[in-house]
Amino acid sequence: MATALINAEHTTALARAVRIDHVSKSFPGPAGSQSVLDDISLDVAPGEFVTILGASGCGKSTLLNL
């Protein structure tokens, strides 16, 4: 049974085109550190179409640049 679980997890890992796992980012500022991303996780499968939407300055480009 344990072998089947390991194989299933390994297969799932191979089925990802992109994985972002627990990403956080902050920038220094005059009033201290400004957190722009906090614990972001995302999996994208091969052939999957994903759009990241949000207001100007919310961290979309920062996430993709990381």
PDB file of N, CA and C in Angstrom:
ATOM      1  N   MET A   1       0.818  -1.201   0.000  1.00  0.00           N
ATOM      2  CA  MET A   1       0.000   0.000   0.000  1.00  0.00           C
ATOM      3  C   MET A   1       0.855   1.255   0.000  1.00  0.00           C
ATOM      4  N   ALA A   2       1.918   1.286   0.796  1.00  0.00           N
ATOM      5  CA  ALA A   2       2.782   2.461   0.835  1.00  0.00           C
ATOM      6  C   ALA A   2       3.448   2.692  -0.511  1.00  0.00           C
ATOM      7  N   THR A   3       3.827   1.624  -1.209  1.00  0.00           N
ATOM      8  CA  THR A   3       4.455   1.764  -2.522  1.00  0.00           C
ATOM      9  C   THR A   3       3.491   2.423  -3.510  1.00  0.00           C
ATOM     10  N   ALA A   4       2.233   2.058  -3.453  1.00  0.00           N
ATOM     11  CA  ALA A   4       1.230   2.655  -4.344  1.00  0.00           C
ATOM     12  C   ALA A   4       1.084   4.148  -4.065  1.00  0.00           C
ATOM     13  N   LEU A   5       1.127   4.543  -2.810  1.00  0.00           N
ATOM     14  CA  LEU A   5       1.022   5.956  -2.469  1.00  0.00           C
ATOM     15  C   LEU A   5       2.221   6.737  -2.973  1.00  0.00           C
ATOM     16  N   ILE A   6       3.405   6.191  -2.832  1.00  0.00           N
ATOM     17  CA  ILE A   6       4.612   6.872  -3.308  1.00  0.00           C
ATOM     18  C   ILE A   6       4.563   7.036  -4.822  1.00  0.00           C
ATOM     19  N   ASN A   7       4.155   6.007  -5.534  1.00  0.00           N
ATOM     20  CA  ASN A   7       4.069   6.090  -6.993  1.00  0.00           C
ATOM     21  C   ASN A   7       3.023   7.111  -7.430  1.00  0.00           C
ATOM     22  N   ALA A   8       1.888   7.172  -6.743  1.00  0.00           N
ATOM     23  CA  ALA A   8       0.852   8.142  -7.087  1.00  0.00           C
ATOM     24  C   ALA A   8       1.348   9.563  -6.857  1.00  0.00           C
ATOM     25  N   GLU A   9       2.072   9.800  -5.766  1.00  0.00           N
ATOM     26  CA  GLU A   9       2.610  11.132  -5.502  1.00  0.00           C
ATOM     27  C   GLU A   9       3.661  11.500  -6.542  1.00  0.00           C
ATOM     28  N   HIS A  10       4.495  10.567  -6.939  1.00  0.00           N
ATOM     29  CA  HIS A  10       5.533  10.825  -7.940  1.00  0.00           C
ATOM     30  C   HIS A  10       4.890  11.169  -9.286  1.00  0.00           C
ATOM     31  N   THR A  11       3.839  10.455  -9.667  1.00  0.00           N
ATOM     32  CA  THR A  11       3.132  10.732 -10.922  1.00  0.00           C
ATOM     33  C   THR A  11       2.526  12.125 -10.899  1.00  0.00           C
ATOM     34  N   THR A  12       1.927  12.520  -9.780  1.00  0.00           N
ATOM     35  CA  THR A  12       1.341  13.852  -9.659  1.00  0.00           C
ATOM     36  C   THR A  12       2.411  14.926  -9.803  1.00  0.00           C
ATOM     37  N   ALA A  13       3.561  14.715  -9.223  1.00  0.00           N
ATOM     38  CA  ALA A  13       4.640  15.692  -9.301  1.00  0.00           C
ATOM     39  C   ALA A  13       5.089  15.891 -10.749  1.00  0.00           C
ATOM     40  N   LEU A  14       5.083  14.837 -11.532  1.00  0.00           N
ATOM     41  CA  LEU A  14       5.496  14.941 -12.932  1.00  0.00           C
ATOM     42  C   LEU A  14       4.438  15.627 -13.796  1.00  0.00           C
ATOM     43  N   ALA A  15       3.206  15.698 -13.331  1.00  0.00           N
ATOM     44  CA  ALA A  15       2.116  16.277 -14.114  1.00  0.00           C
ATOM     45  C   ALA A  15       2.014  17.786 -13.933  1.00  0.00           C
ATOM     46  N   ARG A  16       3.022  18.442 -13.349  1.00  0.00           N
ATOM     47  CA  ARG A  16       3.011  19.896 -13.167  1.00  0.00           C
ATOM     48  C   ARG A  16       3.932  20.556 -14.188  1.00  0.00           C
ATOM     49  N   ALA A  17       3.438  21.613 -14.801  1.00  0.00           N
ATOM     50  CA  ALA A  17       4.296  22.412 -15.673  1.00  0.00           C
ATOM     51  C   ALA A  17       4.978  23.501 -14.850  1.00  0.00           C
ATOM     52  N   VAL A  18       4.247  24.036 -13.866  1.00  0.00           N
ATOM     53  CA  VAL A  18       4.758  25.112 -13.008  1.00  0.00           C
ATOM     54  C   VAL A  18       4.276  24.854 -11.589  1.00  0.00           C
ATOM     55  N   ARG A  19       5.156  25.087 -10.629  1.00  0.00           N
ATOM     56  CA  ARG A  19       4.757  25.009  -9.226  1.00  0.00           C
ATOM     57  C   ARG A  19       5.350  26.187  -8.477  1.00  0.00           C
ATOM     58  N   ILE A  20       4.493  26.934  -7.805  1.00  0.00           N
ATOM     59  CA  ILE A  20       4.900  28.006  -6.899  1.00  0.00           C
ATOM     60  C   ILE A  20       4.453  27.540  -5.525  1.00  0.00           C
ATOM     61  N   ASP A  21       5.377  27.462  -4.583  1.00  0.00           N
ATOM     62  CA  ASP A  21       5.066  26.834  -3.302  1.00  0.00           C
ATOM     63  C   ASP A  21       5.469  27.727  -2.135  1.00  0.00           C
ATOM     64  N   HIS A  22       4.490  28.269  -1.440  1.00  0.00           N
ATOM     65  CA  HIS A  22       4.687  29.078  -0.223  1.00  0.00           C
ATOM     66  C   HIS A  22       5.636  30.263  -0.456  1.00  0.00           C
ATOM     67  N   VAL A  23       5.359  31.049  -1.482  1.00  0.00           N
ATOM     68  CA  VAL A  23       6.193  32.203  -1.828  1.00  0.00           C
ATOM     69  C   VAL A  23       5.721  33.435  -1.053  1.00  0.00           C
ATOM     70  N   SER A  24       6.668  34.166  -0.499  1.00  0.00           N
ATOM     71  CA  SER A  24       6.389  35.435   0.172  1.00  0.00           C
ATOM     72  C   SER A  24       7.419  36.457  -0.286  1.00  0.00           C
ATOM     73  N   LYS A  25       7.026  37.719  -0.329  1.00  0.00           N
ATOM     74  CA  LYS A  25       7.942  38.781  -0.747  1.00  0.00           C
ATOM     75  C   LYS A  25       7.562  40.064  -0.020  1.00  0.00           C
ATOM     76  N   SER A  26       8.575  40.774   0.452  1.00  0.00           N
ATOM     77  CA  SER A  26       8.345  42.086   1.062  1.00  0.00           C
ATOM     78  C   SER A  26       9.437  43.029   0.589  1.00  0.00           C
ATOM     79  N   PHE A  27       9.130  44.318   0.642  1.00  0.00           N
ATOM     80  CA  PHE A  27      10.069  45.352   0.246  1.00  0.00           C
ATOM     81  C   PHE A  27      10.283  46.299   1.418  1.00  0.00           C
ATOM     82  N   PRO A  28      11.510  46.797   1.580  1.00  0.00           N
ATOM     83  CA  PRO A  28      11.755  47.772   2.647  1.00  0.00           C
ATOM     84  C   PRO A  28      11.110  49.112   2.305  1.00  0.00           C
ATOM     85  N   GLY A  29      10.625  49.797   3.309  1.00  0.00           N
ATOM     86  CA  GLY A  29      10.022  51.110   3.118  1.00  0.00           C
ATOM     87  C   GLY A  29      10.344  52.011   4.287  1.00  0.00           C
ATOM     88  N   PRO A  30       9.963  53.277   4.189  1.00  0.00           N
ATOM     89  CA  PRO A  30      10.278  54.226   5.260  1.00  0.00           C
ATOM     90  C   PRO A  30       9.611  53.877   6.595  1.00  0.00           C
ATOM     91  N   ALA A  31       8.456  53.226   6.535  1.00  0.00           N
ATOM     92  CA  ALA A  31       7.750  52.857   7.766  1.00  0.00           C
ATOM     93  C   ALA A  31       8.016  51.411   8.166  1.00  0.00           C
ATOM     94  N   GLY A  32       8.997  50.765   7.506  1.00  0.00           N
ATOM     95  CA  GLY A  32       9.292  49.359   7.786  1.00  0.00           C
ATOM     96  C   GLY A  32       9.031  48.502   6.562  1.00  0.00           C
ATOM     97  N   SER A  33       9.069  47.222   6.761  1.00  0.00           N
ATOM     98  CA  SER A  33       8.888  46.273   5.671  1.00  0.00           C
ATOM     99  C   SER A  33       7.433  46.237   5.207  1.00  0.00           C
ATOM    100  N   GLN A  34       7.225  46.257   3.878  1.00  0.00           N
ATOM    101  CA  GLN A  34       5.893  46.191   3.276  1.00  0.00           C
ATOM    102  C   GLN A  34       5.726  44.826   2.608  1.00  0.00           C
ATOM    103  N   SER A  35       4.867  43.978   3.153  1.00  0.00           N
ATOM    104  CA  SER A  35       4.617  42.657   2.580  1.00  0.00           C
ATOM    105  C   SER A  35       3.713  42.796   1.362  1.00  0.00           C
ATOM    106  N   VAL A  36       4.152  42.255   0.219  1.00  0.00           N
ATOM    107  CA  VAL A  36       3.336  42.330  -1.001  1.00  0.00           C
ATOM    108  C   VAL A  36       2.778  40.966  -1.392  1.00  0.00           C
ATOM    109  N   LEU A  37       3.454  39.899  -1.014  1.00  0.00           N
ATOM    110  CA  LEU A  37       2.966  38.542  -1.248  1.00  0.00           C
ATOM    111  C   LEU A  37       3.172  37.757   0.040  1.00  0.00           C
ATOM    112  N   ASP A  38       2.178  36.982   0.439  1.00  0.00           N
ATOM    113  CA  ASP A  38       2.293  36.225   1.676  1.00  0.00           C
ATOM    114  C   ASP A  38       1.770  34.808   1.488  1.00  0.00           C
ATOM    115  N   ASP A  39       2.682  33.834   1.470  1.00  0.00           N
ATOM    116  CA  ASP A  39       2.357  32.408   1.417  1.00  0.00           C
ATOM    117  C   ASP A  39       1.489  32.054   0.205  1.00  0.00           C
ATOM    118  N   ILE A  40       1.973  32.392  -0.992  1.00  0.00           N
ATOM    119  CA  ILE A  40       1.264  32.106  -2.239  1.00  0.00           C
ATOM    120  C   ILE A  40       1.709  30.744  -2.768  1.00  0.00           C
ATOM    121  N   SER A  41       0.746  29.898  -3.110  1.00  0.00           N
ATOM    122  CA  SER A  41       1.032  28.595  -3.713  1.00  0.00           C
ATOM    123  C   SER A  41       0.149  28.428  -4.939  1.00  0.00           C
ATOM    124  N   LEU A  42       0.715  27.801  -5.985  1.00  0.00           N
ATOM    125  CA  LEU A  42      -0.019  27.619  -7.240  1.00  0.00           C
ATOM    126  C   LEU A  42       0.603  26.465  -8.007  1.00  0.00           C
ATOM    127  N   ASP A  43      -0.220  25.549  -8.518  1.00  0.00           N
ATOM    128  CA  ASP A  43       0.227  24.481  -9.413  1.00  0.00           C
ATOM    129  C   ASP A  43      -0.469  24.671 -10.747  1.00  0.00           C
ATOM    130  N   VAL A  44       0.290  24.551 -11.825  1.00  0.00           N
ATOM    131  CA  VAL A  44      -0.257  24.658 -13.178  1.00  0.00           C
ATOM    132  C   VAL A  44       0.096  23.370 -13.915  1.00  0.00           C
ATOM    133  N   ALA A  45      -0.910  22.707 -14.443  1.00  0.00           N
ATOM    134  CA  ALA A  45      -0.712  21.456 -15.168  1.00  0.00           C
ATOM    135  C   ALA A  45      -0.275  21.744 -16.604  1.00  0.00           C
ATOM    136  N   PRO A  46       0.411  20.806 -17.237  1.00  0.00           N
ATOM    137  CA  PRO A  46       0.774  20.988 -18.643  1.00  0.00           C
ATOM    138  C   PRO A  46      -0.466  21.211 -19.504  1.00  0.00           C
ATOM    139  N   GLY A  47      -0.435  22.217 -20.343  1.00  0.00           N
ATOM    140  CA  GLY A  47      -1.550  22.539 -21.218  1.00  0.00           C
ATOM    141  C   GLY A  47      -2.646  23.377 -20.571  1.00  0.00           C
ATOM    142  N   GLU A  48      -2.533  23.621 -19.283  1.00  0.00           N
ATOM    143  CA  GLU A  48      -3.540  24.418 -18.577  1.00  0.00           C
ATOM    144  C   GLU A  48      -3.299  25.896 -18.838  1.00  0.00           C
ATOM    145  N   PHE A  49      -4.369  26.657 -18.976  1.00  0.00           N
ATOM    146  CA  PHE A  49      -4.306  28.099 -19.216  1.00  0.00           C
ATOM    147  C   PHE A  49      -4.682  28.800 -17.917  1.00  0.00           C
ATOM    148  N   VAL A  50      -3.784  29.640 -17.407  1.00  0.00           N
ATOM    149  CA  VAL A  50      -4.003  30.324 -16.137  1.00  0.00           C
ATOM    150  C   VAL A  50      -3.852  31.821 -16.343  1.00  0.00           C
ATOM    151  N   THR A  51      -4.753  32.590 -15.756  1.00  0.00           N
ATOM    152  CA  THR A  51      -4.680  34.044 -15.795  1.00  0.00           C
ATOM    153  C   THR A  51      -4.574  34.562 -14.378  1.00  0.00           C
ATOM    154  N   ILE A  52      -3.662  35.492 -14.169  1.00  0.00           N
ATOM    155  CA  ILE A  52      -3.515  36.136 -12.864  1.00  0.00           C
ATOM    156  C   ILE A  52      -4.077  37.546 -12.998  1.00  0.00           C
ATOM    157  N   LEU A  53      -5.151  37.800 -12.273  1.00  0.00           N
ATOM    158  CA  LEU A  53      -5.847  39.083 -12.348  1.00  0.00           C
ATOM    159  C   LEU A  53      -5.736  39.824 -11.022  1.00  0.00           C
ATOM    160  N   GLY A  54      -5.713  41.145 -11.104  1.00  0.00           N
ATOM    161  CA  GLY A  54      -5.707  41.950  -9.892  1.00  0.00           C
ATOM    162  C   GLY A  54      -5.499  43.410 -10.228  1.00  0.00           C
ATOM    163  N   ALA A  55      -5.711  44.234  -9.243  1.00  0.00           N
ATOM    164  CA  ALA A  55      -5.551  45.675  -9.415  1.00  0.00           C
ATOM    165  C   ALA A  55      -4.080  46.032  -9.621  1.00  0.00           C
ATOM    166  N   SER A  56      -3.848  47.203 -10.149  1.00  0.00           N
ATOM    167  CA  SER A  56      -2.496  47.707 -10.327  1.00  0.00           C
ATOM    168  C   SER A  56      -1.775  47.760  -8.981  1.00  0.00           C
ATOM    169  N   GLY A  57      -0.571  47.207  -8.956  1.00  0.00           N
ATOM    170  CA  GLY A  57       0.232  47.250  -7.735  1.00  0.00           C
ATOM    171  C   GLY A  57      -0.050  46.149  -6.731  1.00  0.00           C
ATOM    172  N   CYS A  58      -0.838  45.132  -7.099  1.00  0.00           N
ATOM    173  CA  CYS A  58      -1.195  44.090  -6.123  1.00  0.00           C
ATOM    174  C   CYS A  58      -0.176  42.957  -6.039  1.00  0.00           C
ATOM    175  N   GLY A  59       0.814  42.905  -6.960  1.00  0.00           N
ATOM    176  CA  GLY A  59       1.864  41.892  -6.862  1.00  0.00           C
ATOM    177  C   GLY A  59       1.893  40.870  -7.981  1.00  0.00           C
ATOM    178  N   LYS A  60       1.114  41.073  -9.041  1.00  0.00           N
ATOM    179  CA  LYS A  60       1.092  40.109 -10.151  1.00  0.00           C
ATOM    180  C   LYS A  60       2.473  39.974 -10.793  1.00  0.00           C
ATOM    181  N   SER A  61       3.072  41.067 -11.187  1.00  0.00           N
ATOM    182  CA  SER A  61       4.390  41.028 -11.833  1.00  0.00           C
ATOM    183  C   SER A  61       5.466  40.580 -10.857  1.00  0.00           C
ATOM    184  N   THR A  62       5.361  40.962  -9.619  1.00  0.00           N
ATOM    185  CA  THR A  62       6.325  40.525  -8.610  1.00  0.00           C
ATOM    186  C   THR A  62       6.290  39.008  -8.478  1.00  0.00           C
ATOM    187  N   LEU A  63       5.104  38.407  -8.453  1.00  0.00           N
ATOM    188  CA  LEU A  63       4.974  36.961  -8.369  1.00  0.00           C
ATOM    189  C   LEU A  63       5.619  36.290  -9.576  1.00  0.00           C
ATOM    190  N   LEU A  64       5.328  36.779 -10.765  1.00  0.00           N
ATOM    191  CA  LEU A  64       5.879  36.167 -11.976  1.00  0.00           C
ATOM    192  C   LEU A  64       7.388  36.379 -12.089  1.00  0.00           C
ATOM    193  N   ASN A  65       7.898  37.502 -11.595  1.00  0.00           N
ATOM    194  CA  ASN A  65       9.340  37.743 -11.628  1.00  0.00           C
ATOM    195  C   ASN A  65      10.110  36.845 -10.657  1.00  0.00           C
ATOM    196  N   LEU A  66       9.460  36.419  -9.585  1.00  0.00           N
ATOM    197  CA  LEU A  66      10.117  35.531  -8.634  1.00  0.00           C
ATOM    198  C   LEU A  66      10.359  34.179  -9.253  1.00  0.00           C
TER     199      LEU A  66
END
